[in-house]
Amino acid sequence: MTEFGFGWLTPVLSYVMACVGAALGLRCMVRALATTGRARRNWLINGAVAIGTGIWTMHFIAMLGFHVTGTDVRYDVPLTVLSLVVAIVVVGIGVFAVGYSRSKVLAVLVGGLIAGVGVAAMHYVGMAAMRLSGMVSYAPEIVALSVVIAVAAATAALWATLNIRGPLAAFGASLVMGVAVSAMHYTGMAAVSVHLHDVAAPVAGASPMQFIFPLTVLLGSYLFLTSAFVAISPNASRKPDSDDAGGASENPAEPTAGRI
């Protein structure tokens, strides 16, 4: 069993995608906290999608290098898609907690806990989607450590949304967050043991190159293109205390859900 079937290519690419998702999500959160109403909600949604997608893409690019001698490795499509939904939803809970809570410290702690446990859940749902001719088992103490790392990473990400402003600081924060997400993934993988069946059986599901690779390319393209749009879009000119009660934004670059 190896996680480096393509050498260092997949670990490096997966780390880059985690950093891109973190940087985009961080930028969206900064924009969200500078607005109110519908504009804030839409920036928060985009931030959650960016961070969740970056984490998911990191995981499955890394899994492209996961090979087990003696069996094919395939993936259950519905469970794999579910893991993406889990990542986005739980990160969304965390970013909305920060975006709307009056107590930012409490929001970061509670949101980080929820998002961290959810990110770990995404990892293990993704692992549950894996199909091979054998049994997969986990070392409980290493699983617990991976959850702790996930919570720490999520909490740090939410803290960064409140404290990081300059582009260089945001870039540095995204690099650190990428390290944390990658550490959680490879710690979780260190918990894995595979016990092959005595007689190899056909493995159901989609192969990584049939399903995982095209999907990660699609989501990676989304992250890079959205990052470019956010980078060139005008900054919000109005602050939360100057917005009207209805929260309508006059910013011409106000995003709508799914559009930046």
C-alpha atoms as a PDB file:
ATOM      1  CA  MET A   1       0.000   0.000   0.000  1.00  0.00           C
ATOM      2  CA  THR A   2       1.310   3.430  -0.916  1.00  0.00           C
ATOM      3  CA  GLU A   3       0.011   6.991  -1.035  1.00  0.00           C
ATOM      4  CA  PHE A   4       2.750   8.050  -3.439  1.00  0.00           C
ATOM      5  CA  GLY A   5       1.838   6.109  -6.560  1.00  0.00           C
ATOM      6  CA  PHE A   6       2.777   9.144  -8.663  1.00  0.00           C
ATOM      7  CA  GLY A   7       5.708  10.167  -6.488  1.00  0.00           C
ATOM      8  CA  TRP A   8       5.534  13.655  -5.013  1.00  0.00           C
ATOM      9  CA  LEU A   9       3.239  14.939  -7.772  1.00  0.00           C
ATOM     10  CA  THR A  10      -0.049  14.278  -5.988  1.00  0.00           C
ATOM     11  CA  PRO A  11       1.063  15.518  -2.530  1.00  0.00           C
ATOM     12  CA  VAL A  12       2.361  18.771  -4.016  1.00  0.00           C
ATOM     13  CA  LEU A  13      -0.691  19.346  -6.227  1.00  0.00           C
ATOM     14  CA  SER A  14      -3.057  18.519  -3.384  1.00  0.00           C
ATOM     15  CA  TYR A  15      -1.277  21.007  -1.118  1.00  0.00           C
ATOM     16  CA  VAL A  16      -1.494  23.704  -3.789  1.00  0.00           C
ATOM     17  CA  MET A  17      -5.247  23.160  -4.130  1.00  0.00           C
ATOM     18  CA  ALA A  18      -5.726  23.347  -0.361  1.00  0.00           C
ATOM     19  CA  CYS A  19      -3.859  26.675  -0.375  1.00  0.00           C
ATOM     20  CA  VAL A  20      -5.866  28.054  -3.307  1.00  0.00           C
ATOM     21  CA  GLY A  21      -9.160  27.120  -1.653  1.00  0.00           C
ATOM     22  CA  ALA A  22      -8.025  28.651   1.636  1.00  0.00           C
ATOM     23  CA  ALA A  23      -6.837  31.868  -0.024  1.00  0.00           C
ATOM     24  CA  LEU A  24     -10.066  32.274  -1.980  1.00  0.00           C
ATOM     25  CA  GLY A  25     -12.214  31.489   1.044  1.00  0.00           C
ATOM     26  CA  LEU A  26     -10.229  33.914   3.185  1.00  0.00           C
ATOM     27  CA  ARG A  27     -10.667  36.667   0.615  1.00  0.00           C
ATOM     28  CA  CYS A  28     -14.413  36.019   0.409  1.00  0.00           C
ATOM     29  CA  MET A  29     -14.689  36.161   4.198  1.00  0.00           C
ATOM     30  CA  VAL A  30     -12.858  39.487   4.350  1.00  0.00           C
ATOM     31  CA  ARG A  31     -15.270  40.851   1.756  1.00  0.00           C
ATOM     32  CA  ALA A  32     -18.233  39.415   3.671  1.00  0.00           C
ATOM     33  CA  LEU A  33     -17.258  41.112   6.921  1.00  0.00           C
ATOM     34  CA  ALA A  34     -17.054  44.454   5.099  1.00  0.00           C
ATOM     35  CA  THR A  35     -20.724  44.287   4.076  1.00  0.00           C
ATOM     36  CA  THR A  36     -24.111  43.349   5.506  1.00  0.00           C
ATOM     37  CA  GLY A  37     -27.396  41.888   4.313  1.00  0.00           C
ATOM     38  CA  ARG A  38     -27.601  39.951   1.084  1.00  0.00           C
ATOM     39  CA  ALA A  39     -24.045  40.828   0.050  1.00  0.00           C
ATOM     40  CA  ARG A  40     -22.628  39.377   3.267  1.00  0.00           C
ATOM     41  CA  ARG A  41     -24.664  36.194   2.881  1.00  0.00           C
ATOM     42  CA  ASN A  42     -23.493  35.692  -0.692  1.00  0.00           C
ATOM     43  CA  TRP A  43     -19.828  36.280   0.134  1.00  0.00           C
ATOM     44  CA  LEU A  44     -20.127  33.823   3.032  1.00  0.00           C
ATOM     45  CA  ILE A  45     -21.648  31.209   0.732  1.00  0.00           C
ATOM     46  CA  ASN A  46     -18.844  31.676  -1.765  1.00  0.00           C
ATOM     47  CA  GLY A  47     -16.273  31.483   1.032  1.00  0.00           C
ATOM     48  CA  ALA A  48     -17.737  28.223   2.327  1.00  0.00           C
ATOM     49  CA  VAL A  49     -17.816  26.717  -1.165  1.00  0.00           C
ATOM     50  CA  ALA A  50     -14.212  27.773  -1.797  1.00  0.00           C
ATOM     51  CA  ILE A  51     -12.788  26.388   1.445  1.00  0.00           C
ATOM     52  CA  GLY A  52     -14.888  23.205   1.332  1.00  0.00           C
ATOM     53  CA  THR A  53     -14.023  22.583  -2.310  1.00  0.00           C
ATOM     54  CA  GLY A  54     -10.336  23.216  -1.655  1.00  0.00           C
ATOM     55  CA  ILE A  55     -10.300  20.694   1.192  1.00  0.00           C
ATOM     56  CA  TRP A  56     -12.197  18.087  -0.830  1.00  0.00           C
ATOM     57  CA  THR A  57     -10.010  18.587  -3.906  1.00  0.00           C
ATOM     58  CA  MET A  58      -6.890  18.293  -1.758  1.00  0.00           C
ATOM     59  CA  HIS A  59      -8.120  14.973  -0.354  1.00  0.00           C
ATOM     60  CA  PHE A  60      -8.971  13.359  -3.671  1.00  0.00           C
ATOM     61  CA  ILE A  61      -5.942  14.599  -5.592  1.00  0.00           C
ATOM     62  CA  ALA A  62      -3.890  12.982  -2.834  1.00  0.00           C
ATOM     63  CA  MET A  63      -6.005   9.818  -3.179  1.00  0.00           C
ATOM     64  CA  LEU A  64      -5.076   9.573  -6.863  1.00  0.00           C
ATOM     65  CA  GLY A  65      -1.695   8.398  -5.584  1.00  0.00           C
ATOM     66  CA  PHE A  66      -3.214   5.756  -3.287  1.00  0.00           C
ATOM     67  CA  HIS A  67      -2.407   2.313  -4.686  1.00  0.00           C
ATOM     68  CA  VAL A  68      -2.781  -1.119  -3.100  1.00  0.00           C
ATOM     69  CA  THR A  69      -0.768  -3.985  -4.554  1.00  0.00           C
ATOM     70  CA  GLY A  70      -3.037  -6.899  -5.460  1.00  0.00           C
ATOM     71  CA  THR A  71      -6.295  -5.014  -5.982  1.00  0.00           C
ATOM     72  CA  ASP A  72      -7.849  -2.211  -7.963  1.00  0.00           C
ATOM     73  CA  VAL A  73      -9.009   0.860  -6.046  1.00  0.00           C
ATOM     74  CA  ARG A  74     -12.361   2.284  -7.119  1.00  0.00           C
ATOM     75  CA  TYR A  75     -14.912   4.717  -5.698  1.00  0.00           C
ATOM     76  CA  ASP A  76     -18.632   4.707  -5.009  1.00  0.00           C
ATOM     77  CA  VAL A  77     -19.916   7.779  -6.874  1.00  0.00           C
ATOM     78  CA  PRO A  78     -22.832   8.817  -4.584  1.00  0.00           C
ATOM     79  CA  LEU A  79     -20.700   8.565  -1.428  1.00  0.00           C
ATOM     80  CA  THR A  80     -17.889  10.508  -3.069  1.00  0.00           C
ATOM     81  CA  VAL A  81     -20.260  13.319  -4.039  1.00  0.00           C
ATOM     82  CA  LEU A  82     -21.758  13.219  -0.532  1.00  0.00           C
ATOM     83  CA  SER A  83     -18.293  13.828   0.923  1.00  0.00           C
ATOM     84  CA  LEU A  84     -18.053  17.042  -1.139  1.00  0.00           C
ATOM     85  CA  VAL A  85     -21.451  18.191   0.115  1.00  0.00           C
ATOM     86  CA  VAL A  86     -20.427  17.444   3.707  1.00  0.00           C
ATOM     87  CA  ALA A  87     -17.247  19.515   3.327  1.00  0.00           C
ATOM     88  CA  ILE A  88     -19.090  22.561   1.969  1.00  0.00           C
ATOM     89  CA  VAL A  89     -21.997  22.401   4.433  1.00  0.00           C
ATOM     90  CA  VAL A  90     -19.928  22.032   7.603  1.00  0.00           C
ATOM     91  CA  VAL A  91     -17.474  24.733   6.559  1.00  0.00           C
ATOM     92  CA  GLY A  92     -20.522  26.865   5.799  1.00  0.00           C
ATOM     93  CA  ILE A  93     -21.757  26.437   9.361  1.00  0.00           C
ATOM     94  CA  GLY A  94     -18.422  27.690  10.628  1.00  0.00           C
ATOM     95  CA  VAL A  95     -18.154  30.707   8.339  1.00  0.00           C
ATOM     96  CA  PHE A  96     -21.769  31.749   8.945  1.00  0.00           C
ATOM     97  CA  ALA A  97     -21.151  31.512  12.689  1.00  0.00           C
ATOM     98  CA  VAL A  98     -18.260  33.935  12.321  1.00  0.00           C
ATOM     99  CA  GLY A  99     -20.154  36.119   9.878  1.00  0.00           C
ATOM    100  CA  TYR A 100     -23.220  36.676  12.055  1.00  0.00           C
ATOM    101  CA  SER A 101     -22.283  36.010  15.687  1.00  0.00           C
ATOM    102  CA  ARG A 102     -21.929  38.952  18.087  1.00  0.00           C
ATOM    103  CA  SER A 103     -19.280  37.066  20.071  1.00  0.00           C
ATOM    104  CA  LYS A 104     -16.506  36.465  17.573  1.00  0.00           C
ATOM    105  CA  VAL A 105     -14.344  34.471  19.977  1.00  0.00           C
ATOM    106  CA  LEU A 106     -17.188  32.077  20.763  1.00  0.00           C
ATOM    107  CA  ALA A 107     -18.068  31.869  17.079  1.00  0.00           C
ATOM    108  CA  VAL A 108     -14.500  30.925  16.154  1.00  0.00           C
ATOM    109  CA  LEU A 109     -14.300  28.247  18.859  1.00  0.00           C
ATOM    110  CA  VAL A 110     -17.727  26.705  18.237  1.00  0.00           C
ATOM    111  CA  GLY A 111     -17.557  27.138  14.474  1.00  0.00           C
ATOM    112  CA  GLY A 112     -14.046  25.684  14.410  1.00  0.00           C
ATOM    113  CA  LEU A 113     -15.179  22.652  16.383  1.00  0.00           C
ATOM    114  CA  ILE A 114     -18.168  22.016  14.113  1.00  0.00           C
ATOM    115  CA  ALA A 115     -16.257  22.646  10.901  1.00  0.00           C
ATOM    116  CA  GLY A 116     -13.263  20.588  12.056  1.00  0.00           C
ATOM    117  CA  VAL A 117     -15.351  17.566  12.973  1.00  0.00           C
ATOM    118  CA  GLY A 118     -17.173  17.993   9.674  1.00  0.00           C
ATOM    119  CA  VAL A 119     -13.943  18.136   7.680  1.00  0.00           C
ATOM    120  CA  ALA A 120     -12.817  14.931   9.379  1.00  0.00           C
ATOM    121  CA  ALA A 121     -16.229  13.454   8.528  1.00  0.00           C
ATOM    122  CA  MET A 122     -15.668  14.441   4.894  1.00  0.00           C
ATOM    123  CA  HIS A 123     -12.340  12.607   4.932  1.00  0.00           C
ATOM    124  CA  TYR A 124     -13.801   9.418   6.343  1.00  0.00           C
ATOM    125  CA  VAL A 125     -16.933   9.525   4.165  1.00  0.00           C
ATOM    126  CA  GLY A 126     -14.550   9.825   1.225  1.00  0.00           C
ATOM    127  CA  MET A 127     -12.611   6.846   2.529  1.00  0.00           C
ATOM    128  CA  ALA A 128     -15.866   4.904   2.979  1.00  0.00           C
ATOM    129  CA  ALA A 129     -16.506   5.512  -0.722  1.00  0.00           C
ATOM    130  CA  MET A 130     -13.336   3.589  -1.566  1.00  0.00           C
ATOM    131  CA  ARG A 131     -13.852   0.094  -2.960  1.00  0.00           C
ATOM    132  CA  LEU A 132     -11.194  -2.626  -3.140  1.00  0.00           C
ATOM    133  CA  SER A 133     -10.865  -6.393  -2.843  1.00  0.00           C
ATOM    134  CA  GLY A 134     -10.217  -6.426   0.879  1.00  0.00           C
ATOM    135  CA  MET A 135     -11.111  -4.909   4.227  1.00  0.00           C
ATOM    136  CA  VAL A 136     -10.088  -1.451   5.394  1.00  0.00           C
ATOM    137  CA  SER A 137      -9.481  -0.884   9.110  1.00  0.00           C
ATOM    138  CA  TYR A 138      -8.402   2.164  11.123  1.00  0.00           C
ATOM    139  CA  ALA A 139      -6.206   2.742  14.177  1.00  0.00           C
ATOM    140  CA  PRO A 140      -8.569   4.604  16.572  1.00  0.00           C
ATOM    141  CA  GLU A 141      -5.885   6.698  18.257  1.00  0.00           C
ATOM    142  CA  ILE A 142      -4.588   8.013  14.919  1.00  0.00           C
ATOM    143  CA  VAL A 143      -8.137   8.721  13.765  1.00  0.00           C
ATOM    144  CA  ALA A 144      -8.657  10.758  16.941  1.00  0.00           C
ATOM    145  CA  LEU A 145      -5.438  12.669  16.262  1.00  0.00           C
ATOM    146  CA  SER A 146      -6.597  13.461  12.723  1.00  0.00           C
ATOM    147  CA  VAL A 147      -9.860  14.873  14.110  1.00  0.00           C
ATOM    148  CA  VAL A 148      -7.918  17.077  16.551  1.00  0.00           C
ATOM    149  CA  ILE A 149      -5.786  18.367  13.669  1.00  0.00           C
ATOM    150  CA  ALA A 150      -8.921  19.039  11.607  1.00  0.00           C
ATOM    151  CA  VAL A 151     -10.498  21.035  14.449  1.00  0.00           C
ATOM    152  CA  ALA A 152      -7.282  23.018  14.935  1.00  0.00           C
ATOM    153  CA  ALA A 153      -7.063  23.716  11.194  1.00  0.00           C
ATOM    154  CA  ALA A 154     -10.690  24.840  10.977  1.00  0.00           C
ATOM    155  CA  THR A 155     -10.364  27.048  14.056  1.00  0.00           C
ATOM    156  CA  ALA A 156      -7.206  28.646  12.658  1.00  0.00           C
ATOM    157  CA  ALA A 157      -8.965  29.263   9.347  1.00  0.00           C
ATOM    158  CA  LEU A 158     -11.898  31.004  11.048  1.00  0.00           C
ATOM    159  CA  TRP A 159      -9.553  33.023  13.257  1.00  0.00           C
ATOM    160  CA  ALA A 160      -7.672  34.137  10.146  1.00  0.00           C
ATOM    161  CA  THR A 161     -10.877  35.470   8.583  1.00  0.00           C
ATOM    162  CA  LEU A 162     -11.170  37.947  11.467  1.00  0.00           C
ATOM    163  CA  ASN A 163      -7.530  38.953  11.761  1.00  0.00           C
ATOM    164  CA  ILE A 164      -5.925  38.767   8.315  1.00  0.00           C
ATOM    165  CA  ARG A 165      -6.269  41.785   6.043  1.00  0.00           C
ATOM    166  CA  GLY A 166      -3.193  42.464   3.897  1.00  0.00           C
ATOM    167  CA  PRO A 167      -2.467  40.352   0.780  1.00  0.00           C
ATOM    168  CA  LEU A 168       0.901  39.119   2.069  1.00  0.00           C
ATOM    169  CA  ALA A 169      -0.593  38.113   5.413  1.00  0.00           C
ATOM    170  CA  ALA A 170      -3.467  36.377   3.617  1.00  0.00           C
ATOM    171  CA  PHE A 171      -0.994  34.530   1.391  1.00  0.00           C
ATOM    172  CA  GLY A 172       0.977  33.370   4.419  1.00  0.00           C
ATOM    173  CA  ALA A 173      -2.201  32.295   6.205  1.00  0.00           C
ATOM    174  CA  SER A 174      -3.314  30.250   3.192  1.00  0.00           C
ATOM    175  CA  LEU A 175       0.053  28.436   3.145  1.00  0.00           C
ATOM    176  CA  VAL A 176      -0.305  27.571   6.833  1.00  0.00           C
ATOM    177  CA  MET A 177      -3.896  26.426   6.342  1.00  0.00           C
ATOM    178  CA  GLY A 178      -2.774  24.239   3.424  1.00  0.00           C
ATOM    179  CA  VAL A 179      -0.192  22.586   5.683  1.00  0.00           C
ATOM    180  CA  ALA A 180      -2.845  21.972   8.344  1.00  0.00           C
ATOM    181  CA  VAL A 181      -5.328  20.416   5.908  1.00  0.00           C
ATOM    182  CA  SER A 182      -2.616  18.229   4.365  1.00  0.00           C
ATOM    183  CA  ALA A 183      -1.448  17.166   7.828  1.00  0.00           C
ATOM    184  CA  MET A 184      -4.984  16.124   8.715  1.00  0.00           C
ATOM    185  CA  HIS A 185      -5.284  14.080   5.513  1.00  0.00           C
ATOM    186  CA  TYR A 186      -1.994  12.222   5.812  1.00  0.00           C
ATOM    187  CA  THR A 187      -2.508  11.625   9.522  1.00  0.00           C
ATOM    188  CA  GLY A 188      -5.870  10.068   8.673  1.00  0.00           C
ATOM    189  CA  MET A 189      -4.215   7.944   5.998  1.00  0.00           C
ATOM    190  CA  ALA A 190      -1.610   6.767   8.516  1.00  0.00           C
ATOM    191  CA  ALA A 191      -4.501   5.191  10.430  1.00  0.00           C
ATOM    192  CA  VAL A 192      -5.434   2.974   7.463  1.00  0.00           C
ATOM    193  CA  SER A 193      -4.651  -0.727   7.172  1.00  0.00           C
ATOM    194  CA  VAL A 194      -5.780  -2.859   4.224  1.00  0.00           C
ATOM    195  CA  HIS A 195      -6.281  -6.615   4.533  1.00  0.00           C
ATOM    196  CA  LEU A 196      -6.773  -8.209   1.117  1.00  0.00           C
ATOM    197  CA  HIS A 197      -9.157 -11.086   0.515  1.00  0.00           C
ATOM    198  CA  ASP A 198      -7.522 -14.453  -0.170  1.00  0.00           C
ATOM    199  CA  VAL A 199      -9.231 -14.591  -3.552  1.00  0.00           C
ATOM    200  CA  ALA A 200      -9.355 -11.353  -5.503  1.00  0.00           C
ATOM    201  CA  ALA A 201     -12.878 -10.360  -6.494  1.00  0.00           C
ATOM    202  CA  PRO A 202     -14.045  -7.836  -9.094  1.00  0.00           C
ATOM    203  CA  VAL A 203     -14.202  -4.341  -7.617  1.00  0.00           C
ATOM    204  CA  ALA A 204     -17.315  -2.261  -8.238  1.00  0.00           C
ATOM    205  CA  GLY A 205     -17.352   1.495  -8.669  1.00  0.00           C
ATOM    206  CA  ALA A 206     -15.641   4.103 -10.811  1.00  0.00           C
ATOM    207  CA  SER A 207     -11.890   4.115 -11.304  1.00  0.00           C
ATOM    208  CA  PRO A 208      -9.968   7.202 -10.143  1.00  0.00           C
ATOM    209  CA  MET A 209      -9.187   8.251 -13.712  1.00  0.00           C
ATOM    210  CA  GLN A 210     -12.810   7.790 -14.798  1.00  0.00           C
ATOM    211  CA  PHE A 211     -14.348   9.873 -12.019  1.00  0.00           C
ATOM    212  CA  ILE A 212     -11.991  11.382  -9.436  1.00  0.00           C
ATOM    213  CA  PHE A 213      -9.520  12.907 -11.883  1.00  0.00           C
ATOM    214  CA  PRO A 214     -12.083  14.720 -14.088  1.00  0.00           C
ATOM    215  CA  LEU A 215     -13.968  15.986 -11.040  1.00  0.00           C
ATOM    216  CA  THR A 216     -10.846  17.333  -9.357  1.00  0.00           C
ATOM    217  CA  VAL A 217      -9.841  19.072 -12.602  1.00  0.00           C
ATOM    218  CA  LEU A 218     -13.303  20.655 -12.818  1.00  0.00           C
ATOM    219  CA  LEU A 219     -13.291  21.832  -9.206  1.00  0.00           C
ATOM    220  CA  GLY A 220      -9.688  22.987  -9.419  1.00  0.00           C
ATOM    221  CA  SER A 221     -10.575  25.073 -12.476  1.00  0.00           C
ATOM    222  CA  TYR A 222     -13.479  26.569 -10.547  1.00  0.00           C
ATOM    223  CA  LEU A 223     -11.143  27.600  -7.722  1.00  0.00           C
ATOM    224  CA  PHE A 224      -8.583  29.230 -10.009  1.00  0.00           C
ATOM    225  CA  LEU A 225     -11.146  31.045 -12.168  1.00  0.00           C
ATOM    226  CA  THR A 226     -13.143  32.259  -9.179  1.00  0.00           C
ATOM    227  CA  SER A 227      -9.945  33.450  -7.519  1.00  0.00           C
ATOM    228  CA  ALA A 228      -9.203  35.537 -10.603  1.00  0.00           C
ATOM    229  CA  PHE A 229     -12.696  37.072 -10.606  1.00  0.00           C
ATOM    230  CA  VAL A 230     -12.540  37.905  -6.907  1.00  0.00           C
ATOM    231  CA  ALA A 231      -9.054  39.384  -7.273  1.00  0.00           C
ATOM    232  CA  ILE A 232     -10.123  41.813 -10.002  1.00  0.00           C
ATOM    233  CA  SER A 233     -13.567  42.690  -8.628  1.00  0.00           C
ATOM    234  CA  PRO A 234     -13.882  46.046  -6.812  1.00  0.00           C
ATOM    235  CA  ASN A 235     -13.636  46.058  -3.034  1.00  0.00           C
ATOM    236  CA  ALA A 236     -16.769  46.745  -1.040  1.00  0.00           C
ATOM    237  CA  SER A 237     -16.901  50.457  -0.332  1.00  0.00           C
ATOM    238  CA  ARG A 238     -19.448  50.339   2.469  1.00  0.00           C
ATOM    239  CA  LYS A 239     -18.926  49.140   6.019  1.00  0.00           C
ATOM    240  CA  PRO A 240     -21.449  47.178   8.098  1.00  0.00           C
ATOM    241  CA  ASP A 241     -22.348  50.147  10.316  1.00  0.00           C
ATOM    242  CA  SER A 242     -23.281  52.253   7.299  1.00  0.00           C
ATOM    243  CA  ASP A 243     -25.572  49.745   5.619  1.00  0.00           C
ATOM    244  CA  ASP A 244     -29.289  50.206   5.795  1.00  0.00           C
ATOM    245  CA  ALA A 245     -31.580  47.966   7.827  1.00  0.00           C
ATOM    246  CA  GLY A 246     -32.587  45.985   4.781  1.00  0.00           C
ATOM    247  CA  GLY A 247     -28.951  45.151   4.064  1.00  0.00           C
ATOM    248  CA  ALA A 248     -29.225  45.946   0.341  1.00  0.00           C
ATOM    249  CA  SER A 249     -25.805  46.518  -1.178  1.00  0.00           C
ATOM    250  CA  GLU A 250     -24.913  49.250  -3.620  1.00  0.00           C
ATOM    251  CA  ASN A 251     -21.667  47.542  -4.540  1.00  0.00           C
ATOM    252  CA  PRO A 252     -21.787  46.799  -8.280  1.00  0.00           C
ATOM    253  CA  ALA A 253     -19.650  43.706  -7.714  1.00  0.00           C
ATOM    254  CA  GLU A 254     -22.080  42.215  -5.199  1.00  0.00           C
ATOM    255  CA  PRO A 255     -22.037  38.455  -5.710  1.00  0.00           C
ATOM    256  CA  THR A 256     -25.039  36.249  -5.987  1.00  0.00           C
ATOM    257  CA  ALA A 257     -25.076  32.648  -4.838  1.00  0.00           C
ATOM    258  CA  GLY A 258     -22.948  30.671  -7.188  1.00  0.00           C
ATOM    259  CA  ARG A 259     -21.700  33.812  -8.983  1.00  0.00           C
ATOM    260  CA  ILE A 260     -18.916  36.211  -8.124  1.00  0.00           C
END
